[in-house]
Amino acid sequence: MNAGERVTAEQLEDPSRYRAILRLLQSCDTSVADLAAEWAPPPGLALDDPIRAAMSRDGLPRTQMHLQSVMTTHPICDERGCEVAREQFDLSVHESDGTRKLFAIAGPLLLTLETGSVWIIDELDAGLHPTLTAALITLFHSNESNPHGAQLIFTTHDTQLLSPRTFRRDQVWFVEKDALERSQLVSLVEYRVRNDAAFGAEYLRGGFGALPSIDWLPEAVAHPADPESGL
């Protein structure tokens, strides 16, 4: 379990936050009907005596417990679409990378909106459908879902998000790397571009820099490496 999954799992203990996390997953077309986290004492408290172990376990806050697994429940439907049963799945074993990613960010995202704080995340779009990523970003643009002015700072390679419908120019920054491998941030404001321009298309054309420098040739992978060259 990664850190985000643990943060979300700890919030499942609170009934109101459990409902909020479940609603978020359900609204993102995951078909998850229920969530449950399974905890265990840390190795040092895994005592041979079951009674003593239970007392140690129940007396510890979740932040000091070992997260064994997160179980998701899905409905089983017949050919008419009617639910006939439910089945549990292990999040880390049976769920897709997208569902795992969504669960991992659900807790931090909701906490950020609730407290009006700043959430910094690398590769927000990794494992998520572009439509879903854009929908999550809109949560921070809405006064209804973000009444306390929480802020989202994230990195992405999804150029579809570079749209004036999603961001103002001053909200978009590019990471440019120089010949000495040093990185600097450059704001979109620094470039002369209309506010309604297709930011993503212009970026891919090289209009804003910050593009990877790919200079290898097909021959580099078409022929065996020269053992004397070390390549």
C-alpha atoms as a PDB file:
ATOM      1  CA  MET A   1       0.000   0.000   0.000  1.00  0.00           C
ATOM      2  CA  ASN A   2       1.337   3.439  -0.906  1.00  0.00           C
ATOM      3  CA  ALA A   3       1.047   6.569   1.227  1.00  0.00           C
ATOM      4  CA  GLY A   4      -2.037   7.872  -0.572  1.00  0.00           C
ATOM      5  CA  GLU A   5      -3.897   4.588  -0.142  1.00  0.00           C
ATOM      6  CA  ARG A   6      -3.094   4.617   3.554  1.00  0.00           C
ATOM      7  CA  VAL A   7      -4.353   8.195   3.991  1.00  0.00           C
ATOM      8  CA  THR A   8      -7.618   7.268   2.278  1.00  0.00           C
ATOM      9  CA  ALA A   9      -7.949   4.031   4.266  1.00  0.00           C
ATOM     10  CA  GLU A  10      -7.561   5.894   7.562  1.00  0.00           C
ATOM     11  CA  GLN A  11     -10.419   8.198   6.582  1.00  0.00           C
ATOM     12  CA  LEU A  12     -12.761   5.243   6.079  1.00  0.00           C
ATOM     13  CA  GLU A  13     -13.009   5.076   9.885  1.00  0.00           C
ATOM     14  CA  ASP A  14     -15.047   8.313   9.862  1.00  0.00           C
ATOM     15  CA  PRO A  15     -18.595   7.624   8.582  1.00  0.00           C
ATOM     16  CA  SER A  16     -18.989  10.986   6.832  1.00  0.00           C
ATOM     17  CA  ARG A  17     -15.608  10.751   5.106  1.00  0.00           C
ATOM     18  CA  TYR A  18     -16.270   7.125   4.203  1.00  0.00           C
ATOM     19  CA  ARG A  19     -19.454   8.211   2.431  1.00  0.00           C
ATOM     20  CA  ALA A  20     -17.622  11.056   0.649  1.00  0.00           C
ATOM     21  CA  ILE A  21     -14.855   8.728  -0.591  1.00  0.00           C
ATOM     22  CA  LEU A  22     -17.367   6.126  -1.752  1.00  0.00           C
ATOM     23  CA  ARG A  23     -19.432   8.789  -3.571  1.00  0.00           C
ATOM     24  CA  LEU A  24     -16.300  10.042  -5.319  1.00  0.00           C
ATOM     25  CA  LEU A  25     -15.369   6.569  -6.554  1.00  0.00           C
ATOM     26  CA  GLN A  26     -18.929   5.820  -7.646  1.00  0.00           C
ATOM     27  CA  SER A  27     -19.224   9.102  -9.521  1.00  0.00           C
ATOM     28  CA  CYS A  28     -16.099   8.134 -11.499  1.00  0.00           C
ATOM     29  CA  ASP A  29     -17.698   4.996 -12.977  1.00  0.00           C
ATOM     30  CA  THR A  30     -15.835   2.433 -10.844  1.00  0.00           C
ATOM     31  CA  SER A  31     -18.967   0.435  -9.828  1.00  0.00           C
ATOM     32  CA  VAL A  32     -17.562   0.133  -6.294  1.00  0.00           C
ATOM     33  CA  ALA A  33     -20.465  -0.465  -3.920  1.00  0.00           C
ATOM     34  CA  ASP A  34     -18.553  -0.643  -0.633  1.00  0.00           C
ATOM     35  CA  LEU A  35     -15.084  -0.170   0.846  1.00  0.00           C
ATOM     36  CA  ALA A  36     -13.366  -1.667   3.870  1.00  0.00           C
ATOM     37  CA  ALA A  37      -9.835  -1.480   5.252  1.00  0.00           C
ATOM     38  CA  GLU A  38      -8.247  -4.369   7.121  1.00  0.00           C
ATOM     39  CA  TRP A  39      -5.719  -3.465   9.821  1.00  0.00           C
ATOM     40  CA  ALA A  40      -3.264  -5.424  11.960  1.00  0.00           C
ATOM     41  CA  PRO A  41      -0.884  -4.609  14.817  1.00  0.00           C
ATOM     42  CA  PRO A  42       2.650  -3.693  13.782  1.00  0.00           C
ATOM     43  CA  PRO A  43       5.056  -6.666  13.887  1.00  0.00           C
ATOM     44  CA  GLY A  44       6.272  -5.810  17.383  1.00  0.00           C
ATOM     45  CA  LEU A  45       2.726  -6.117  18.756  1.00  0.00           C
ATOM     46  CA  ALA A  46       1.771  -9.329  16.984  1.00  0.00           C
ATOM     47  CA  LEU A  47       1.769 -11.253  20.275  1.00  0.00           C
ATOM     48  CA  ASP A  48       1.282 -14.996  20.555  1.00  0.00           C
ATOM     49  CA  ASP A  49      -1.557 -14.550  23.011  1.00  0.00           C
ATOM     50  CA  PRO A  50      -4.662 -13.633  20.900  1.00  0.00           C
ATOM     51  CA  ILE A  51      -6.279 -11.736  23.780  1.00  0.00           C
ATOM     52  CA  ARG A  52      -3.201  -9.586  24.442  1.00  0.00           C
ATOM     53  CA  ALA A  53      -2.796  -9.011  20.714  1.00  0.00           C
ATOM     54  CA  ALA A  54      -6.423  -7.883  20.418  1.00  0.00           C
ATOM     55  CA  MET A  55      -6.030  -5.517  23.351  1.00  0.00           C
ATOM     56  CA  SER A  56      -2.910  -4.010  21.805  1.00  0.00           C
ATOM     57  CA  ARG A  57      -4.606  -3.697  18.439  1.00  0.00           C
ATOM     58  CA  ASP A  58      -7.799  -2.084  19.685  1.00  0.00           C
ATOM     59  CA  GLY A  59      -5.890   0.379  21.842  1.00  0.00           C
ATOM     60  CA  LEU A  60      -3.860   1.765  18.944  1.00  0.00           C
ATOM     61  CA  PRO A  61      -4.889   4.574  16.590  1.00  0.00           C
ATOM     62  CA  ARG A  62      -5.019   3.674  12.914  1.00  0.00           C
ATOM     63  CA  THR A  63      -1.920   5.790  12.256  1.00  0.00           C
ATOM     64  CA  GLN A  64       0.110   3.237  14.266  1.00  0.00           C
ATOM     65  CA  MET A  65      -1.469   0.165  12.690  1.00  0.00           C
ATOM     66  CA  HIS A  66      -0.313  -1.853   9.700  1.00  0.00           C
ATOM     67  CA  LEU A  67      -2.677  -1.592   6.725  1.00  0.00           C
ATOM     68  CA  GLN A  68      -3.065  -5.156   5.500  1.00  0.00           C
ATOM     69  CA  SER A  69      -5.463  -4.588   2.630  1.00  0.00           C
ATOM     70  CA  VAL A  70      -8.339  -2.545   1.249  1.00  0.00           C
ATOM     71  CA  MET A  71     -11.321  -4.524   0.059  1.00  0.00           C
ATOM     72  CA  THR A  72     -13.739  -3.247  -2.577  1.00  0.00           C
ATOM     73  CA  THR A  73     -17.222  -4.654  -3.082  1.00  0.00           C
ATOM     74  CA  HIS A  74     -18.825  -4.839  -6.524  1.00  0.00           C
ATOM     75  CA  PRO A  75     -22.388  -5.825  -7.468  1.00  0.00           C
ATOM     76  CA  ILE A  76     -22.930  -8.959  -9.540  1.00  0.00           C
ATOM     77  CA  CYS A  77     -25.769  -8.469 -12.020  1.00  0.00           C
ATOM     78  CA  ASP A  78     -27.777 -10.830 -14.179  1.00  0.00           C
ATOM     79  CA  GLU A  79     -28.431 -10.410 -17.904  1.00  0.00           C
ATOM     80  CA  ARG A  80     -31.212  -7.922 -17.196  1.00  0.00           C
ATOM     81  CA  GLY A  81     -28.877  -5.716 -15.187  1.00  0.00           C
ATOM     82  CA  CYS A  82     -30.463  -6.597 -11.843  1.00  0.00           C
ATOM     83  CA  GLU A  83     -28.141  -7.059  -8.882  1.00  0.00           C
ATOM     84  CA  VAL A  84     -28.179 -10.670  -7.696  1.00  0.00           C
ATOM     85  CA  ALA A  85     -25.107 -10.754  -5.439  1.00  0.00           C
ATOM     86  CA  ARG A  86     -22.026  -8.860  -4.302  1.00  0.00           C
ATOM     87  CA  GLU A  87     -18.394  -9.901  -4.349  1.00  0.00           C
ATOM     88  CA  GLN A  88     -15.323  -8.549  -2.587  1.00  0.00           C
ATOM     89  CA  PHE A  89     -12.003  -7.832  -4.285  1.00  0.00           C
ATOM     90  CA  ASP A  90      -8.552  -6.909  -2.985  1.00  0.00           C
ATOM     91  CA  LEU A  91      -7.774  -3.396  -4.192  1.00  0.00           C
ATOM     92  CA  SER A  92      -4.055  -4.043  -4.742  1.00  0.00           C
ATOM     93  CA  VAL A  93      -4.597  -7.395  -6.485  1.00  0.00           C
ATOM     94  CA  HIS A  94      -7.822  -7.266  -8.482  1.00  0.00           C
ATOM     95  CA  GLU A  95      -8.531  -3.615  -9.248  1.00  0.00           C
ATOM     96  CA  SER A  96      -7.168  -1.681 -12.224  1.00  0.00           C
ATOM     97  CA  ASP A  97      -4.374   0.861 -11.915  1.00  0.00           C
ATOM     98  CA  GLY A  98      -6.967   3.578 -12.509  1.00  0.00           C
ATOM     99  CA  THR A  99      -9.174   2.493  -9.615  1.00  0.00           C
ATOM    100  CA  ARG A 100      -6.153   2.152  -7.346  1.00  0.00           C
ATOM    101  CA  LYS A 101      -4.957   5.617  -8.331  1.00  0.00           C
ATOM    102  CA  LEU A 102      -8.407   7.087  -7.745  1.00  0.00           C
ATOM    103  CA  PHE A 103      -8.612   5.502  -4.290  1.00  0.00           C
ATOM    104  CA  ALA A 104      -5.112   6.742  -3.431  1.00  0.00           C
ATOM    105  CA  ILE A 105      -5.920  10.349  -4.315  1.00  0.00           C
ATOM    106  CA  ALA A 106      -9.474  10.373  -2.945  1.00  0.00           C
ATOM    107  CA  GLY A 107      -8.438  10.864   0.672  1.00  0.00           C
ATOM    108  CA  PRO A 108      -5.825  13.599   0.123  1.00  0.00           C
ATOM    109  CA  LEU A 109      -8.078  15.369  -2.391  1.00  0.00           C
ATOM    110  CA  LEU A 110     -11.089  15.497  -0.079  1.00  0.00           C
ATOM    111  CA  LEU A 111      -8.960  16.546   2.902  1.00  0.00           C
ATOM    112  CA  THR A 112      -7.483  19.383   0.855  1.00  0.00           C
ATOM    113  CA  LEU A 113     -10.910  20.645  -0.186  1.00  0.00           C
ATOM    114  CA  GLU A 114     -12.215  20.339   3.370  1.00  0.00           C
ATOM    115  CA  THR A 115      -9.350  22.245   4.981  1.00  0.00           C
ATOM    116  CA  GLY A 116      -8.630  24.773   2.219  1.00  0.00           C
ATOM    117  CA  SER A 117      -4.987  23.710   2.054  1.00  0.00           C
ATOM    118  CA  VAL A 118      -2.540  23.115  -0.818  1.00  0.00           C
ATOM    119  CA  TRP A 119      -2.212  19.701  -2.441  1.00  0.00           C
ATOM    120  CA  ILE A 120       0.930  18.974  -4.458  1.00  0.00           C
ATOM    121  CA  ILE A 121       0.948  15.799  -6.548  1.00  0.00           C
ATOM    122  CA  ASP A 122       3.288  14.487  -9.208  1.00  0.00           C
ATOM    123  CA  GLU A 123       1.733  13.050 -12.382  1.00  0.00           C
ATOM    124  CA  LEU A 124      -1.902  13.594 -11.412  1.00  0.00           C
ATOM    125  CA  ASP A 125      -3.026  12.113 -14.727  1.00  0.00           C
ATOM    126  CA  ALA A 126      -1.014   8.874 -14.466  1.00  0.00           C
ATOM    127  CA  GLY A 127      -3.406   5.933 -14.704  1.00  0.00           C
ATOM    128  CA  LEU A 128      -6.488   8.117 -15.133  1.00  0.00           C
ATOM    129  CA  HIS A 129      -8.631   8.752 -18.190  1.00  0.00           C
ATOM    130  CA  PRO A 130      -8.165  12.340 -19.491  1.00  0.00           C
ATOM    131  CA  THR A 131     -11.853  13.083 -18.947  1.00  0.00           C
ATOM    132  CA  LEU A 132     -11.596  11.972 -15.322  1.00  0.00           C
ATOM    133  CA  THR A 133      -8.459  14.026 -14.703  1.00  0.00           C
ATOM    134  CA  ALA A 134     -10.172  17.133 -16.068  1.00  0.00           C
ATOM    135  CA  ALA A 135     -13.228  16.472 -13.888  1.00  0.00           C
ATOM    136  CA  LEU A 136     -11.099  16.215 -10.746  1.00  0.00           C
ATOM    137  CA  ILE A 137      -9.416  19.522 -11.579  1.00  0.00           C
ATOM    138  CA  THR A 138     -12.794  21.253 -11.893  1.00  0.00           C
ATOM    139  CA  LEU A 139     -13.451  20.423  -8.225  1.00  0.00           C
ATOM    140  CA  PHE A 140     -10.899  23.110  -7.358  1.00  0.00           C
ATOM    141  CA  HIS A 141     -12.498  25.639  -9.721  1.00  0.00           C
ATOM    142  CA  SER A 142     -15.969  25.357  -8.219  1.00  0.00           C
ATOM    143  CA  ASN A 143     -17.060  27.437  -5.238  1.00  0.00           C
ATOM    144  CA  GLU A 144     -19.486  24.684  -4.348  1.00  0.00           C
ATOM    145  CA  SER A 145     -16.878  21.919  -4.029  1.00  0.00           C
ATOM    146  CA  ASN A 146     -14.044  24.228  -2.974  1.00  0.00           C
ATOM    147  CA  PRO A 147     -15.557  26.842  -0.648  1.00  0.00           C
ATOM    148  CA  HIS A 148     -12.335  27.349   1.333  1.00  0.00           C
ATOM    149  CA  GLY A 149     -10.055  28.172  -1.597  1.00  0.00           C
ATOM    150  CA  ALA A 150      -7.946  25.005  -1.624  1.00  0.00           C
ATOM    151  CA  GLN A 151      -5.164  24.928  -4.219  1.00  0.00           C
ATOM    152  CA  LEU A 152      -3.964  22.132  -6.494  1.00  0.00           C
ATOM    153  CA  ILE A 153      -0.406  22.034  -7.837  1.00  0.00           C
ATOM    154  CA  PHE A 154       0.418  19.117 -10.097  1.00  0.00           C
ATOM    155  CA  THR A 155       2.668  17.963 -12.916  1.00  0.00           C
ATOM    156  CA  THR A 156       1.330  16.330 -16.052  1.00  0.00           C
ATOM    157  CA  HIS A 157       2.224  15.214 -19.565  1.00  0.00           C
ATOM    158  CA  ASP A 158      -1.406  15.358 -20.718  1.00  0.00           C
ATOM    159  CA  THR A 159      -1.487  18.175 -23.272  1.00  0.00           C
ATOM    160  CA  GLN A 160      -5.291  17.925 -23.454  1.00  0.00           C
ATOM    161  CA  LEU A 161      -5.348  19.735 -20.121  1.00  0.00           C
ATOM    162  CA  LEU A 162      -3.584  22.727 -21.704  1.00  0.00           C
ATOM    163  CA  SER A 163      -6.801  24.484 -22.555  1.00  0.00           C
ATOM    164  CA  PRO A 164      -8.085  27.987 -21.791  1.00  0.00           C
ATOM    165  CA  ARG A 165     -11.326  26.282 -20.778  1.00  0.00           C
ATOM    166  CA  THR A 166      -9.427  24.630 -17.915  1.00  0.00           C
ATOM    167  CA  PHE A 167      -6.688  27.082 -16.929  1.00  0.00           C
ATOM    168  CA  ARG A 168      -5.776  30.729 -17.138  1.00  0.00           C
ATOM    169  CA  ARG A 169      -2.397  31.481 -18.693  1.00  0.00           C
ATOM    170  CA  ASP A 170      -0.905  32.402 -15.316  1.00  0.00           C
ATOM    171  CA  GLN A 171      -1.838  28.961 -13.986  1.00  0.00           C
ATOM    172  CA  VAL A 172       0.286  27.066 -16.539  1.00  0.00           C
ATOM    173  CA  TRP A 173       4.032  26.639 -16.080  1.00  0.00           C
ATOM    174  CA  PHE A 174       6.531  24.722 -18.205  1.00  0.00           C
ATOM    175  CA  VAL A 175       9.670  22.987 -16.966  1.00  0.00           C
ATOM    176  CA  GLU A 176      12.556  23.746 -19.328  1.00  0.00           C
ATOM    177  CA  LYS A 177      15.860  21.874 -18.999  1.00  0.00           C
ATOM    178  CA  ASP A 178      19.078  23.447 -20.255  1.00  0.00           C
ATOM    179  CA  ALA A 179      22.276  21.836 -21.569  1.00  0.00           C
ATOM    180  CA  LEU A 180      23.617  21.486 -18.010  1.00  0.00           C
ATOM    181  CA  GLU A 181      20.534  19.483 -16.914  1.00  0.00           C
ATOM    182  CA  ARG A 182      19.248  22.422 -14.866  1.00  0.00           C
ATOM    183  CA  SER A 183      15.482  22.946 -14.807  1.00  0.00           C
ATOM    184  CA  GLN A 184      13.659  26.235 -14.660  1.00  0.00           C
ATOM    185  CA  LEU A 185       9.978  27.131 -14.543  1.00  0.00           C
ATOM    186  CA  VAL A 186       8.575  29.368 -17.267  1.00  0.00           C
ATOM    187  CA  SER A 187       5.043  30.738 -17.078  1.00  0.00           C
ATOM    188  CA  LEU A 188       2.746  30.677 -20.094  1.00  0.00           C
ATOM    189  CA  VAL A 189       2.272  34.394 -19.431  1.00  0.00           C
ATOM    190  CA  GLU A 190       5.797  34.918 -20.768  1.00  0.00           C
ATOM    191  CA  TYR A 191       4.668  33.952 -24.277  1.00  0.00           C
ATOM    192  CA  ARG A 192       2.623  36.068 -26.633  1.00  0.00           C
ATOM    193  CA  VAL A 193      -0.443  33.912 -27.165  1.00  0.00           C
ATOM    194  CA  ARG A 194      -4.155  34.680 -27.216  1.00  0.00           C
ATOM    195  CA  ASN A 195      -6.182  33.743 -24.174  1.00  0.00           C
ATOM    196  CA  ASP A 196      -8.417  31.550 -26.349  1.00  0.00           C
ATOM    197  CA  ALA A 197      -5.563  29.829 -28.217  1.00  0.00           C
ATOM    198  CA  ALA A 198      -5.143  26.051 -28.319  1.00  0.00           C
ATOM    199  CA  PHE A 199      -2.383  25.891 -25.724  1.00  0.00           C
ATOM    200  CA  GLY A 200      -1.804  22.154 -26.097  1.00  0.00           C
ATOM    201  CA  ALA A 201      -1.408  22.201 -29.876  1.00  0.00           C
ATOM    202  CA  GLU A 202       0.925  25.183 -29.729  1.00  0.00           C
ATOM    203  CA  TYR A 203       3.040  23.474 -27.073  1.00  0.00           C
ATOM    204  CA  LEU A 204       3.431  20.328 -29.195  1.00  0.00           C
ATOM    205  CA  ARG A 205       4.530  22.526 -32.102  1.00  0.00           C
ATOM    206  CA  GLY A 206       7.351  23.793 -29.901  1.00  0.00           C
ATOM    207  CA  GLY A 207       5.911  27.238 -29.316  1.00  0.00           C
ATOM    208  CA  PHE A 208       6.565  27.174 -25.561  1.00  0.00           C
ATOM    209  CA  GLY A 209       9.744  25.102 -25.417  1.00  0.00           C
ATOM    210  CA  ALA A 210       9.952  22.491 -22.635  1.00  0.00           C
ATOM    211  CA  LEU A 211       9.884  19.636 -25.162  1.00  0.00           C
ATOM    212  CA  PRO A 212      12.077  16.549 -24.696  1.00  0.00           C
ATOM    213  CA  SER A 213      15.143  16.443 -26.929  1.00  0.00           C
ATOM    214  CA  ILE A 214      15.033  13.119 -28.776  1.00  0.00           C
ATOM    215  CA  ASP A 215      18.039  12.759 -31.052  1.00  0.00           C
ATOM    216  CA  TRP A 216      18.506   9.006 -31.362  1.00  0.00           C
ATOM    217  CA  LEU A 217      18.218   7.365 -34.790  1.00  0.00           C
ATOM    218  CA  PRO A 218      16.368   4.164 -35.764  1.00  0.00           C
ATOM    219  CA  GLU A 219      19.764   2.581 -36.437  1.00  0.00           C
ATOM    220  CA  ALA A 220      20.553   2.842 -32.738  1.00  0.00           C
ATOM    221  CA  VAL A 221      17.995   0.151 -31.952  1.00  0.00           C
ATOM    222  CA  ALA A 222      18.143  -1.727 -35.248  1.00  0.00           C
ATOM    223  CA  HIS A 223      21.735  -2.981 -34.847  1.00  0.00           C
ATOM    224  CA  PRO A 224      23.518  -4.769 -31.984  1.00  0.00           C
ATOM    225  CA  ALA A 225      25.643  -2.604 -29.744  1.00  0.00           C
ATOM    226  CA  ASP A 226      29.385  -2.492 -30.339  1.00  0.00           C
ATOM    227  CA  PRO A 227      30.981  -4.318 -27.350  1.00  0.00           C
ATOM    228  CA  GLU A 228      34.066  -2.098 -27.609  1.00  0.00           C
ATOM    229  CA  SER A 229      32.033   1.078 -27.403  1.00  0.00           C
ATOM    230  CA  GLY A 230      30.382   0.210 -24.105  1.00  0.00           C
ATOM    231  CA  LEU A 231      26.979   1.029 -25.577  1.00  0.00           C
END
